[in-house]
Amino acid sequence: MPESAGVARSLVRTALAAWHQEELVEDALNVTTELVSNAVDHARLPSIRVIVARPTENGVRLGVVDRSRTVPTLRTDSNGDQIRGRGLVLVDVLSDRWGTDLHPWGKTVWAEMKVESAQ
């Protein structure tokens, strides 16, 4: 499912443009790529679901739903020279908050971002 991240990124870009939240696009696309990559790597079925919501006027919530109930953890070790396994560090840096909601059949890993109001 390598194409999954591209489809998800297109969905996020379209939603943010419709909501006039263009300043979030770059970070949101990076977060989406990481969440989708994790789900593709760990999902039990060949499909995932991407959720893009606008819980507040200046915020967005990105979520990826899969069938695995394994809760992702933020790696605090350097993981040697391996590049993989650091995606949630990026999610943690780029989002205002993130987490996991468990369901009887799987989980949703989500991240929330908001536009800083200019004052």
PDB file of N, CA and C in Angstrom:
ATOM      1  N   MET A   1       0.804  -1.205   0.000  1.00  0.00           N
ATOM      2  CA  MET A   1       0.000   0.000   0.000  1.00  0.00           C
ATOM      3  C   MET A   1       0.848   1.270   0.000  1.00  0.00           C
ATOM      4  N   PRO A   2       1.933   1.315  -0.742  1.00  0.00           N
ATOM      5  CA  PRO A   2       2.728   2.544  -0.765  1.00  0.00           C
ATOM      6  C   PRO A   2       1.943   3.749  -1.261  1.00  0.00           C
ATOM      7  N   GLU A   3       0.926   3.503  -2.095  1.00  0.00           N
ATOM      8  CA  GLU A   3       0.132   4.617  -2.618  1.00  0.00           C
ATOM      9  C   GLU A   3      -0.783   5.223  -1.559  1.00  0.00           C
ATOM     10  N   SER A   4      -0.975   4.541  -0.444  1.00  0.00           N
ATOM     11  CA  SER A   4      -1.871   5.026   0.606  1.00  0.00           C
ATOM     12  C   SER A   4      -1.484   6.397   1.123  1.00  0.00           C
ATOM     13  N   ALA A   5      -0.197   6.624   1.328  1.00  0.00           N
ATOM     14  CA  ALA A   5       0.241   7.921   1.847  1.00  0.00           C
ATOM     15  C   ALA A   5      -0.068   9.035   0.855  1.00  0.00           C
ATOM     16  N   GLY A   6       0.103   8.784  -0.426  1.00  0.00           N
ATOM     17  CA  GLY A   6      -0.187   9.799  -1.439  1.00  0.00           C
ATOM     18  C   GLY A   6      -1.658  10.161  -1.477  1.00  0.00           C
ATOM     19  N   VAL A   7      -2.524   9.150  -1.409  1.00  0.00           N
ATOM     20  CA  VAL A   7      -3.966   9.393  -1.395  1.00  0.00           C
ATOM     21  C   VAL A   7      -4.348  10.167  -0.135  1.00  0.00           C
ATOM     22  N   ALA A   8      -3.814   9.766   1.002  1.00  0.00           N
ATOM     23  CA  ALA A   8      -4.109  10.442   2.268  1.00  0.00           C
ATOM     24  C   ALA A   8      -3.623  11.892   2.241  1.00  0.00           C
ATOM     25  N   ARG A   9      -2.430  12.116   1.703  1.00  0.00           N
ATOM     26  CA  ARG A   9      -1.885  13.472   1.619  1.00  0.00           C
ATOM     27  C   ARG A   9      -2.781  14.359   0.751  1.00  0.00           C
ATOM     28  N   SER A  10      -3.289  13.812  -0.336  1.00  0.00           N
ATOM     29  CA  SER A  10      -4.180  14.571  -1.213  1.00  0.00           C
ATOM     30  C   SER A  10      -5.466  14.962  -0.477  1.00  0.00           C
ATOM     31  N   LEU A  11      -6.018  14.022   0.285  1.00  0.00           N
ATOM     32  CA  LEU A  11      -7.215  14.284   1.079  1.00  0.00           C
ATOM     33  C   LEU A  11      -6.960  15.409   2.081  1.00  0.00           C
ATOM     34  N   VAL A  12      -5.844  15.337   2.793  1.00  0.00           N
ATOM     35  CA  VAL A  12      -5.509  16.354   3.804  1.00  0.00           C
ATOM     36  C   VAL A  12      -5.294  17.710   3.145  1.00  0.00           C
ATOM     37  N   ARG A  13      -4.553  17.750   2.045  1.00  0.00           N
ATOM     38  CA  ARG A  13      -4.295  19.014   1.341  1.00  0.00           C
ATOM     39  C   ARG A  13      -5.614  19.668   0.897  1.00  0.00           C
ATOM     40  N   THR A  14      -6.520  18.863   0.340  1.00  0.00           N
ATOM     41  CA  THR A  14      -7.811  19.371  -0.131  1.00  0.00           C
ATOM     42  C   THR A  14      -8.644  19.931   1.024  1.00  0.00           C
ATOM     43  N   ALA A  15      -8.696  19.180   2.130  1.00  0.00           N
ATOM     44  CA  ALA A  15      -9.483  19.621   3.283  1.00  0.00           C
ATOM     45  C   ALA A  15      -8.928  20.919   3.867  1.00  0.00           C
ATOM     46  N   LEU A  16      -7.622  20.998   4.034  1.00  0.00           N
ATOM     47  CA  LEU A  16      -7.027  22.209   4.607  1.00  0.00           C
ATOM     48  C   LEU A  16      -7.217  23.413   3.695  1.00  0.00           C
ATOM     49  N   ALA A  17      -7.147  23.209   2.397  1.00  0.00           N
ATOM     50  CA  ALA A  17      -7.391  24.317   1.457  1.00  0.00           C
ATOM     51  C   ALA A  17      -8.840  24.783   1.563  1.00  0.00           C
ATOM     52  N   ALA A  18      -9.774  23.849   1.647  1.00  0.00           N
ATOM     53  CA  ALA A  18     -11.196  24.201   1.765  1.00  0.00           C
ATOM     54  C   ALA A  18     -11.479  24.958   3.056  1.00  0.00           C
ATOM     55  N   TRP A  19     -10.728  24.636   4.096  1.00  0.00           N
ATOM     56  CA  TRP A  19     -10.912  25.278   5.402  1.00  0.00           C
ATOM     57  C   TRP A  19     -10.023  26.506   5.588  1.00  0.00           C
ATOM     58  N   HIS A  20      -9.302  26.909   4.543  1.00  0.00           N
ATOM     59  CA  HIS A  20      -8.396  28.070   4.588  1.00  0.00           C
ATOM     60  C   HIS A  20      -7.354  27.929   5.693  1.00  0.00           C
ATOM     61  N   GLN A  21      -6.786  26.741   5.800  1.00  0.00           N
ATOM     62  CA  GLN A  21      -5.755  26.469   6.810  1.00  0.00           C
ATOM     63  C   GLN A  21      -4.443  26.099   6.116  1.00  0.00           C
ATOM     64  N   GLU A  22      -4.115  26.847   5.063  1.00  0.00           N
ATOM     65  CA  GLU A  22      -2.949  26.544   4.245  1.00  0.00           C
ATOM     66  C   GLU A  22      -1.648  26.534   5.028  1.00  0.00           C
ATOM     67  N   GLU A  23      -1.558  27.328   6.085  1.00  0.00           N
ATOM     68  CA  GLU A  23      -0.294  27.366   6.829  1.00  0.00           C
ATOM     69  C   GLU A  23      -0.004  26.064   7.574  1.00  0.00           C
ATOM     70  N   LEU A  24      -1.000  25.201   7.697  1.00  0.00           N
ATOM     71  CA  LEU A  24      -0.793  23.899   8.333  1.00  0.00           C
ATOM     72  C   LEU A  24      -0.397  22.809   7.338  1.00  0.00           C
ATOM     73  N   VAL A  25      -0.509  23.087   6.040  1.00  0.00           N
ATOM     74  CA  VAL A  25      -0.380  22.032   5.032  1.00  0.00           C
ATOM     75  C   VAL A  25       0.923  21.257   5.142  1.00  0.00           C
ATOM     76  N   GLU A  26       2.053  21.914   5.132  1.00  0.00           N
ATOM     77  CA  GLU A  26       3.334  21.193   5.114  1.00  0.00           C
ATOM     78  C   GLU A  26       3.476  20.254   6.315  1.00  0.00           C
ATOM     79  N   ASP A  27       3.246  20.779   7.505  1.00  0.00           N
ATOM     80  CA  ASP A  27       3.364  19.942   8.704  1.00  0.00           C
ATOM     81  C   ASP A  27       2.297  18.842   8.716  1.00  0.00           C
ATOM     82  N   ALA A  28       1.085  19.182   8.296  1.00  0.00           N
ATOM     83  CA  ALA A  28       0.001  18.189   8.283  1.00  0.00           C
ATOM     84  C   ALA A  28       0.307  17.054   7.311  1.00  0.00           C
ATOM     85  N   LEU A  29       0.909  17.374   6.173  1.00  0.00           N
ATOM     86  CA  LEU A  29       1.254  16.327   5.212  1.00  0.00           C
ATOM     87  C   LEU A  29       2.337  15.409   5.774  1.00  0.00           C
ATOM     88  N   ASN A  30       3.303  15.968   6.466  1.00  0.00           N
ATOM     89  CA  ASN A  30       4.341  15.139   7.093  1.00  0.00           C
ATOM     90  C   ASN A  30       3.762  14.244   8.178  1.00  0.00           C
ATOM     91  N   VAL A  31       2.880  14.796   9.010  1.00  0.00           N
ATOM     92  CA  VAL A  31       2.237  14.008  10.062  1.00  0.00           C
ATOM     93  C   VAL A  31       1.397  12.892   9.438  1.00  0.00           C
ATOM     94  N   THR A  32       0.640  13.228   8.402  1.00  0.00           N
ATOM     95  CA  THR A  32      -0.195  12.236   7.730  1.00  0.00           C
ATOM     96  C   THR A  32       0.647  11.098   7.173  1.00  0.00           C
ATOM     97  N   THR A  33       1.747  11.435   6.529  1.00  0.00           N
ATOM     98  CA  THR A  33       2.633  10.409   5.974  1.00  0.00           C
ATOM     99  C   THR A  33       3.116   9.454   7.051  1.00  0.00           C
ATOM    100  N   GLU A  34       3.506   9.992   8.203  1.00  0.00           N
ATOM    101  CA  GLU A  34       3.998   9.145   9.298  1.00  0.00           C
ATOM    102  C   GLU A  34       2.895   8.267   9.870  1.00  0.00           C
ATOM    103  N   LEU A  35       1.710   8.832  10.090  1.00  0.00           N
ATOM    104  CA  LEU A  35       0.613   8.047  10.648  1.00  0.00           C
ATOM    105  C   LEU A  35       0.195   6.933   9.691  1.00  0.00           C
ATOM    106  N   VAL A  36       0.117   7.253   8.403  1.00  0.00           N
ATOM    107  CA  VAL A  36      -0.263   6.248   7.412  1.00  0.00           C
ATOM    108  C   VAL A  36       0.813   5.169   7.313  1.00  0.00           C
ATOM    109  N   SER A  37       2.068   5.576   7.297  1.00  0.00           N
ATOM    110  CA  SER A  37       3.163   4.595   7.211  1.00  0.00           C
ATOM    111  C   SER A  37       3.120   3.620   8.374  1.00  0.00           C
ATOM    112  N   ASN A  38       2.893   4.133   9.576  1.00  0.00           N
ATOM    113  CA  ASN A  38       2.798   3.257  10.748  1.00  0.00           C
ATOM    114  C   ASN A  38       1.626   2.289  10.616  1.00  0.00           C
ATOM    115  N   ALA A  39       0.488   2.793  10.167  1.00  0.00           N
ATOM    116  CA  ALA A  39      -0.690   1.937  10.039  1.00  0.00           C
ATOM    117  C   ALA A  39      -0.473   0.869   8.976  1.00  0.00           C
ATOM    118  N   VAL A  40       0.115   1.244   7.859  1.00  0.00           N
ATOM    119  CA  VAL A  40       0.377   0.274   6.790  1.00  0.00           C
ATOM    120  C   VAL A  40       1.324  -0.811   7.288  1.00  0.00           C
ATOM    121  N   ASP A  41       2.327  -0.410   8.057  1.00  0.00           N
ATOM    122  CA  ASP A  41       3.292  -1.380   8.580  1.00  0.00           C
ATOM    123  C   ASP A  41       2.681  -2.332   9.606  1.00  0.00           C
ATOM    124  N   HIS A  42       1.690  -1.863  10.381  1.00  0.00           N
ATOM    125  CA  HIS A  42       1.210  -2.642  11.515  1.00  0.00           C
ATOM    126  C   HIS A  42      -0.241  -3.102  11.413  1.00  0.00           C
ATOM    127  N   ALA A  43      -0.961  -2.685  10.382  1.00  0.00           N
ATOM    128  CA  ALA A  43      -2.379  -3.051  10.265  1.00  0.00           C
ATOM    129  C   ALA A  43      -2.542  -4.530   9.968  1.00  0.00           C
ATOM    130  N   ARG A  44      -3.662  -5.076  10.388  1.00  0.00           N
ATOM    131  CA  ARG A  44      -3.938  -6.492  10.158  1.00  0.00           C
ATOM    132  C   ARG A  44      -4.640  -6.741   8.825  1.00  0.00           C
ATOM    133  N   LEU A  45      -5.228  -5.720   8.262  1.00  0.00           N
ATOM    134  CA  LEU A  45      -5.949  -5.869   6.994  1.00  0.00           C
ATOM    135  C   LEU A  45      -5.316  -4.959   5.941  1.00  0.00           C
ATOM    136  N   PRO A  46      -5.603  -5.233   4.673  1.00  0.00           N
ATOM    137  CA  PRO A  46      -4.993  -4.420   3.614  1.00  0.00           C
ATOM    138  C   PRO A  46      -5.637  -3.045   3.446  1.00  0.00           C
ATOM    139  N   SER A  47      -6.407  -2.602   4.423  1.00  0.00           N
ATOM    140  CA  SER A  47      -7.005  -1.278   4.298  1.00  0.00           C
ATOM    141  C   SER A  47      -6.898  -0.523   5.615  1.00  0.00           C
ATOM    142  N   ILE A  48      -6.827   0.785   5.483  1.00  0.00           N
ATOM    143  CA  ILE A  48      -6.835   1.695   6.623  1.00  0.00           C
ATOM    144  C   ILE A  48      -7.839   2.788   6.289  1.00  0.00           C
ATOM    145  N   ARG A  49      -8.192   3.565   7.292  1.00  0.00           N
ATOM    146  CA  ARG A  49      -9.097   4.684   7.070  1.00  0.00           C
ATOM    147  C   ARG A  49      -8.414   5.943   7.567  1.00  0.00           C
ATOM    148  N   VAL A  50      -8.500   6.997   6.779  1.00  0.00           N
ATOM    149  CA  VAL A  50      -7.908   8.284   7.149  1.00  0.00           C
ATOM    150  C   VAL A  50      -9.049   9.230   7.493  1.00  0.00           C
ATOM    151  N   ILE A  51      -8.891   9.931   8.601  1.00  0.00           N
ATOM    152  CA  ILE A  51      -9.901  10.885   9.055  1.00  0.00           C
ATOM    153  C   ILE A  51      -9.277  12.273   9.110  1.00  0.00           C
ATOM    154  N   VAL A  52      -9.974  13.237   8.535  1.00  0.00           N
ATOM    155  CA  VAL A  52      -9.552  14.638   8.628  1.00  0.00           C
ATOM    156  C   VAL A  52     -10.751  15.399   9.172  1.00  0.00           C
ATOM    157  N   ALA A  53     -10.592  15.980  10.346  1.00  0.00           N
ATOM    158  CA  ALA A  53     -11.703  16.679  10.990  1.00  0.00           C
ATOM    159  C   ALA A  53     -11.257  18.075  11.410  1.00  0.00           C
ATOM    160  N   ARG A  54     -12.222  18.914  11.621  1.00  0.00           N
ATOM    161  CA  ARG A  54     -11.964  20.294  12.053  1.00  0.00           C
ATOM    162  C   ARG A  54     -12.712  20.528  13.367  1.00  0.00           C
ATOM    163  N   PRO A  55     -12.108  20.122  14.489  1.00  0.00           N
ATOM    164  CA  PRO A  55     -12.804  20.224  15.771  1.00  0.00           C
ATOM    165  C   PRO A  55     -12.989  21.660  16.268  1.00  0.00           C
ATOM    166  N   THR A  56     -12.139  22.566  15.803  1.00  0.00           N
ATOM    167  CA  THR A  56     -12.262  23.976  16.174  1.00  0.00           C
ATOM    168  C   THR A  56     -12.027  24.827  14.932  1.00  0.00           C
ATOM    169  N   GLU A  57     -12.367  26.088  15.022  1.00  0.00           N
ATOM    170  CA  GLU A  57     -12.215  27.006  13.891  1.00  0.00           C
ATOM    171  C   GLU A  57     -10.778  27.057  13.378  1.00  0.00           C
ATOM    172  N   ASN A  58      -9.811  26.983  14.294  1.00  0.00           N
ATOM    173  CA  ASN A  58      -8.409  27.101  13.873  1.00  0.00           C
ATOM    174  C   ASN A  58      -7.621  25.796  14.038  1.00  0.00           C
ATOM    175  N   GLY A  59      -8.336  24.674  14.191  1.00  0.00           N
ATOM    176  CA  GLY A  59      -7.626  23.422  14.410  1.00  0.00           C
ATOM    177  C   GLY A  59      -8.062  22.316  13.472  1.00  0.00           C
ATOM    178  N   VAL A  60      -7.191  21.331  13.347  1.00  0.00           N
ATOM    179  CA  VAL A  60      -7.476  20.157  12.526  1.00  0.00           C
ATOM    180  C   VAL A  60      -7.037  18.912  13.296  1.00  0.00           C
ATOM    181  N   ARG A  61      -7.773  17.842  13.094  1.00  0.00           N
ATOM    182  CA  ARG A  61      -7.427  16.558  13.711  1.00  0.00           C
ATOM    183  C   ARG A  61      -7.265  15.539  12.591  1.00  0.00           C
ATOM    184  N   LEU A  62      -6.098  14.953  12.529  1.00  0.00           N
ATOM    185  CA  LEU A  62      -5.777  13.941  11.535  1.00  0.00           C
ATOM    186  C   LEU A  62      -5.770  12.598  12.239  1.00  0.00           C
ATOM    187  N   GLY A  63      -6.401  11.608  11.661  1.00  0.00           N
ATOM    188  CA  GLY A  63      -6.431  10.301  12.289  1.00  0.00           C
ATOM    189  C   GLY A  63      -6.286   9.197  11.269  1.00  0.00           C
ATOM    190  N   VAL A  64      -5.702   8.099  11.691  1.00  0.00           N
ATOM    191  CA  VAL A  64      -5.585   6.909  10.860  1.00  0.00           C
ATOM    192  C   VAL A  64      -6.095   5.732  11.677  1.00  0.00           C
ATOM    193  N   VAL A  65      -7.047   5.023  11.109  1.00  0.00           N
ATOM    194  CA  VAL A  65      -7.694   3.894  11.770  1.00  0.00           C
ATOM    195  C   VAL A  65      -7.173   2.606  11.147  1.00  0.00           C
ATOM    196  N   ASP A  66      -6.780   1.660  11.994  1.00  0.00           N
ATOM    197  CA  ASP A  66      -6.373   0.344  11.494  1.00  0.00           C
ATOM    198  C   ASP A  66      -6.898  -0.746  12.424  1.00  0.00           C
ATOM    199  N   ARG A  67      -6.646  -1.996  12.070  1.00  0.00           N
ATOM    200  CA  ARG A  67      -7.195  -3.130  12.810  1.00  0.00           C
ATOM    201  C   ARG A  67      -6.283  -3.645  13.910  1.00  0.00           C
ATOM    202  N   SER A  68      -5.118  -3.065  14.075  1.00  0.00           N
ATOM    203  CA  SER A  68      -4.206  -3.515  15.124  1.00  0.00           C
ATOM    204  C   SER A  68      -4.556  -2.809  16.433  1.00  0.00           C
ATOM    205  N   ARG A  69      -4.462  -3.532  17.536  1.00  0.00           N
ATOM    206  CA  ARG A  69      -4.692  -2.902  18.849  1.00  0.00           C
ATOM    207  C   ARG A  69      -3.371  -2.584  19.543  1.00  0.00           C
ATOM    208  N   THR A  70      -2.277  -2.709  18.834  1.00  0.00           N
ATOM    209  CA  THR A  70      -0.970  -2.378  19.403  1.00  0.00           C
ATOM    210  C   THR A  70      -0.825  -0.860  19.449  1.00  0.00           C
ATOM    211  N   VAL A  71      -0.609  -0.335  20.643  1.00  0.00           N
ATOM    212  CA  VAL A  71      -0.489   1.112  20.822  1.00  0.00           C
ATOM    213  C   VAL A  71       0.931   1.541  20.439  1.00  0.00           C
ATOM    214  N   PRO A  72       1.048   2.502  19.541  1.00  0.00           N
ATOM    215  CA  PRO A  72       2.388   2.970  19.164  1.00  0.00           C
ATOM    216  C   PRO A  72       3.043   3.712  20.322  1.00  0.00           C
ATOM    217  N   THR A  73       4.351   3.614  20.395  1.00  0.00           N
ATOM    218  CA  THR A  73       5.076   4.319  21.452  1.00  0.00           C
ATOM    219  C   THR A  73       6.110   5.246  20.839  1.00  0.00           C
ATOM    220  N   LEU A  74       6.325   6.333  21.513  1.00  0.00           N
ATOM    221  CA  LEU A  74       7.319   7.321  21.097  1.00  0.00           C
ATOM    222  C   LEU A  74       8.691   6.784  21.465  1.00  0.00           C
ATOM    223  N   ARG A  75       9.554   6.630  20.482  1.00  0.00           N
ATOM    224  CA  ARG A  75      10.911   6.115  20.743  1.00  0.00           C
ATOM    225  C   ARG A  75      11.767   7.225  21.312  1.00  0.00           C
ATOM    226  N   THR A  76      12.379   6.941  22.435  1.00  0.00           N
ATOM    227  CA  THR A  76      13.253   7.941  23.045  1.00  0.00           C
ATOM    228  C   THR A  76      14.718   7.588  22.874  1.00  0.00           C
ATOM    229  N   ASP A  77      14.984   6.352  22.398  1.00  0.00           N
ATOM    230  CA  ASP A  77      16.372   5.961  22.148  1.00  0.00           C
ATOM    231  C   ASP A  77      16.764   6.386  20.732  1.00  0.00           C
ATOM    232  N   SER A  78      18.017   6.352  20.441  1.00  0.00           N
ATOM    233  CA  SER A  78      18.484   6.795  19.128  1.00  0.00           C
ATOM    234  C   SER A  78      18.227   5.757  18.054  1.00  0.00           C
ATOM    235  N   ASN A  79      17.941   4.497  18.443  1.00  0.00           N
ATOM    236  CA  ASN A  79      17.663   3.426  17.495  1.00  0.00           C
ATOM    237  C   ASN A  79      18.854   3.180  16.565  1.00  0.00           C
ATOM    238  N   GLY A  80      20.039   3.444  17.043  1.00  0.00           N
ATOM    239  CA  GLY A  80      21.246   3.223  16.240  1.00  0.00           C
ATOM    240  C   GLY A  80      21.228   4.069  14.987  1.00  0.00           C
ATOM    241  N   ASP A  81      21.617   3.472  13.879  1.00  0.00           N
ATOM    242  CA  ASP A  81      21.626   4.185  12.610  1.00  0.00           C
ATOM    243  C   ASP A  81      20.346   3.954  11.813  1.00  0.00           C
ATOM    244  N   GLN A  82      19.390   3.279  12.401  1.00  0.00           N
ATOM    245  CA  GLN A  82      18.156   2.993  11.676  1.00  0.00           C
ATOM    246  C   GLN A  82      17.309   4.251  11.537  1.00  0.00           C
ATOM    247  N   ILE A  83      16.767   4.429  10.355  1.00  0.00           N
ATOM    248  CA  ILE A  83      15.887   5.569  10.105  1.00  0.00           C
ATOM    249  C   ILE A  83      14.476   5.234  10.553  1.00  0.00           C
ATOM    250  N   ARG A  84      14.056   3.993  10.360  1.00  0.00           N
ATOM    251  CA  ARG A  84      12.704   3.588  10.730  1.00  0.00           C
ATOM    252  C   ARG A  84      12.533   3.620  12.245  1.00  0.00           C
ATOM    253  N   GLY A  85      11.282   3.813  12.670  1.00  0.00           N
ATOM    254  CA  GLY A  85      11.001   3.788  14.094  1.00  0.00           C
ATOM    255  C   GLY A  85      11.031   5.152  14.747  1.00  0.00           C
ATOM    256  N   ARG A  86      11.223   6.185  13.955  1.00  0.00           N
ATOM    257  CA  ARG A  86      11.287   7.538  14.525  1.00  0.00           C
ATOM    258  C   ARG A  86      10.115   8.411  14.102  1.00  0.00           C
ATOM    259  N   GLY A  87       9.155   7.844  13.392  1.00  0.00           N
ATOM    260  CA  GLY A  87       8.042   8.626  12.857  1.00  0.00           C
ATOM    261  C   GLY A  87       7.241   9.365  13.904  1.00  0.00           C
ATOM    262  N   LEU A  88       7.007   8.736  15.052  1.00  0.00           N
ATOM    263  CA  LEU A  88       6.210   9.402  16.078  1.00  0.00           C
ATOM    264  C   LEU A  88       6.960  10.566  16.721  1.00  0.00           C
ATOM    265  N   VAL A  89       8.280  10.551  16.650  1.00  0.00           N
ATOM    266  CA  VAL A  89       9.036  11.713  17.126  1.00  0.00           C
ATOM    267  C   VAL A  89       8.672  12.924  16.259  1.00  0.00           C
ATOM    268  N   LEU A  90       8.592  12.714  14.953  1.00  0.00           N
ATOM    269  CA  LEU A  90       8.192  13.777  14.036  1.00  0.00           C
ATOM    270  C   LEU A  90       6.757  14.211  14.309  1.00  0.00           C
ATOM    271  N   VAL A  91       5.864  13.263  14.494  1.00  0.00           N
ATOM    272  CA  VAL A  91       4.473  13.577  14.810  1.00  0.00           C
ATOM    273  C   VAL A  91       4.406  14.401  16.100  1.00  0.00           C
ATOM    274  N   ASP A  92       5.183  14.005  17.094  1.00  0.00           N
ATOM    275  CA  ASP A  92       5.195  14.701  18.383  1.00  0.00           C
ATOM    276  C   ASP A  92       5.678  16.146  18.236  1.00  0.00           C
ATOM    277  N   VAL A  93       6.676  16.356  17.396  1.00  0.00           N
ATOM    278  CA  VAL A  93       7.237  17.697  17.202  1.00  0.00           C
ATOM    279  C   VAL A  93       6.294  18.588  16.399  1.00  0.00           C
ATOM    280  N   LEU A  94       5.670  18.027  15.368  1.00  0.00           N
ATOM    281  CA  LEU A  94       4.874  18.837  14.443  1.00  0.00           C
ATOM    282  C   LEU A  94       3.439  19.073  14.902  1.00  0.00           C
ATOM    283  N   SER A  95       2.936  18.254  15.810  1.00  0.00           N
ATOM    284  CA  SER A  95       1.548  18.415  16.241  1.00  0.00           C
ATOM    285  C   SER A  95       1.484  19.056  17.624  1.00  0.00           C
ATOM    286  N   ASP A  96       0.320  19.596  17.936  1.00  0.00           N
ATOM    287  CA  ASP A  96       0.114  20.171  19.268  1.00  0.00           C
ATOM    288  C   ASP A  96      -0.083  19.071  20.301  1.00  0.00           C
ATOM    289  N   ARG A  97      -0.723  17.994  19.883  1.00  0.00           N
ATOM    290  CA  ARG A  97      -0.865  16.813  20.729  1.00  0.00           C
ATOM    291  C   ARG A  97      -1.253  15.648  19.840  1.00  0.00           C
ATOM    292  N   TRP A  98      -0.990  14.441  20.322  1.00  0.00           N
ATOM    293  CA  TRP A  98      -1.354  13.241  19.581  1.00  0.00           C
ATOM    294  C   TRP A  98      -1.660  12.133  20.572  1.00  0.00           C
ATOM    295  N   GLY A  99      -2.311  11.101  20.092  1.00  0.00           N
ATOM    296  CA  GLY A  99      -2.643   9.996  20.980  1.00  0.00           C
ATOM    297  C   GLY A  99      -3.245   8.829  20.225  1.00  0.00           C
ATOM    298  N   THR A 100      -3.724   7.875  20.987  1.00  0.00           N
ATOM    299  CA  THR A 100      -4.315   6.671  20.424  1.00  0.00           C
ATOM    300  C   THR A 100      -5.632   6.388  21.124  1.00  0.00           C
ATOM    301  N   ASP A 101      -6.673   6.125  20.347  1.00  0.00           N
ATOM    302  CA  ASP A 101      -7.957   5.686  20.878  1.00  0.00           C
ATOM    303  C   ASP A 101      -8.118   4.222  20.505  1.00  0.00           C
ATOM    304  N   LEU A 102      -8.259   3.350  21.501  1.00  0.00           N
ATOM    305  CA  LEU A 102      -8.452   1.927  21.243  1.00  0.00           C
ATOM    306  C   LEU A 102      -9.926   1.623  21.017  1.00  0.00           C
ATOM    307  N   HIS A 103     -10.184   0.697  20.094  1.00  0.00           N
ATOM    308  CA  HIS A 103     -11.526   0.209  19.802  1.00  0.00           C
ATOM    309  C   HIS A 103     -11.489  -1.309  19.975  1.00  0.00           C
ATOM    310  N   PRO A 104     -12.629  -1.946  20.120  1.00  0.00           N
ATOM    311  CA  PRO A 104     -12.625  -3.409  20.241  1.00  0.00           C
ATOM    312  C   PRO A 104     -11.975  -4.107  19.046  1.00  0.00           C
ATOM    313  N   TRP A 105     -12.011  -3.487  17.899  1.00  0.00           N
ATOM    314  CA  TRP A 105     -11.516  -4.084  16.654  1.00  0.00           C
ATOM    315  C   TRP A 105     -10.211  -3.473  16.144  1.00  0.00           C
ATOM    316  N   GLY A 106      -9.649  -2.485  16.841  1.00  0.00           N
ATOM    317  CA  GLY A 106      -8.421  -1.843  16.361  1.00  0.00           C
ATOM    318  C   GLY A 106      -8.149  -0.548  17.099  1.00  0.00           C
ATOM    319  N   LYS A 107      -7.657   0.427  16.365  1.00  0.00           N
ATOM    320  CA  LYS A 107      -7.321   1.704  17.018  1.00  0.00           C
ATOM    321  C   LYS A 107      -7.352   2.842  16.019  1.00  0.00           C
ATOM    322  N   THR A 108      -7.401   4.057  16.567  1.00  0.00           N
ATOM    323  CA  THR A 108      -7.208   5.279  15.805  1.00  0.00           C
ATOM    324  C   THR A 108      -6.012   5.991  16.413  1.00  0.00           C
ATOM    325  N   VAL A 109      -5.020   6.294  15.609  1.00  0.00           N
ATOM    326  CA  VAL A 109      -3.899   7.122  16.047  1.00  0.00           C
ATOM    327  C   VAL A 109      -4.161   8.489  15.438  1.00  0.00           C
ATOM    328  N   TRP A 110      -4.160   9.521  16.266  1.00  0.00           N
ATOM    329  CA  TRP A 110      -4.537  10.848  15.810  1.00  0.00           C
ATOM    330  C   TRP A 110      -3.517  11.895  16.239  1.00  0.00           C
ATOM    331  N   ALA A 111      -3.560  13.011  15.543  1.00  0.00           N
ATOM    332  CA  ALA A 111      -2.723  14.167  15.894  1.00  0.00           C
ATOM    333  C   ALA A 111      -3.556  15.417  15.654  1.00  0.00           C
ATOM    334  N   GLU A 112      -3.413  16.379  16.552  1.00  0.00           N
ATOM    335  CA  GLU A 112      -4.124  17.647  16.411  1.00  0.00           C
ATOM    336  C   GLU A 112      -3.127  18.772  16.196  1.00  0.00           C
ATOM    337  N   MET A 113      -3.507  19.670  15.291  1.00  0.00           N
ATOM    338  CA  MET A 113      -2.673  20.821  14.963  1.00  0.00           C
ATOM    339  C   MET A 113      -3.587  22.033  14.908  1.00  0.00           C
ATOM    340  N   LYS A 114      -3.019  23.186  15.194  1.00  0.00           N
ATOM    341  CA  LYS A 114      -3.844  24.379  15.083  1.00  0.00           C
ATOM    342  C   LYS A 114      -3.039  25.537  14.521  1.00  0.00           C
ATOM    343  N   VAL A 115      -3.780  26.440  13.891  1.00  0.00           N
ATOM    344  CA  VAL A 115      -3.199  27.673  13.376  1.00  0.00           C
ATOM    345  C   VAL A 115      -3.078  28.622  14.555  1.00  0.00           C
ATOM    346  N   GLU A 116      -1.893  29.178  14.743  1.00  0.00           N
ATOM    347  CA  GLU A 116      -1.718  30.165  15.811  1.00  0.00           C
ATOM    348  C   GLU A 116      -2.383  31.462  15.379  1.00  0.00           C
ATOM    349  N   SER A 117      -3.257  31.991  16.212  1.00  0.00           N
ATOM    350  CA  SER A 117      -3.926  33.232  15.859  1.00  0.00           C
ATOM    351  C   SER A 117      -2.959  34.410  15.973  1.00  0.00           C
ATOM    352  N   ALA A 118      -2.971  35.234  14.967  1.00  0.00           N
ATOM    353  CA  ALA A 118      -2.098  36.410  14.936  1.00  0.00           C
ATOM    354  C   ALA A 118      -2.738  37.529  15.739  1.00  0.00           C
ATOM    355  N   GLN A 119      -2.058  37.931  16.782  1.00  0.00           N
ATOM    356  CA  GLN A 119      -2.603  39.031  17.605  1.00  0.00           C
ATOM    357  C   GLN A 119      -1.510  39.974  17.971  1.00  0.00           C
TER     358      GLN A 119
END
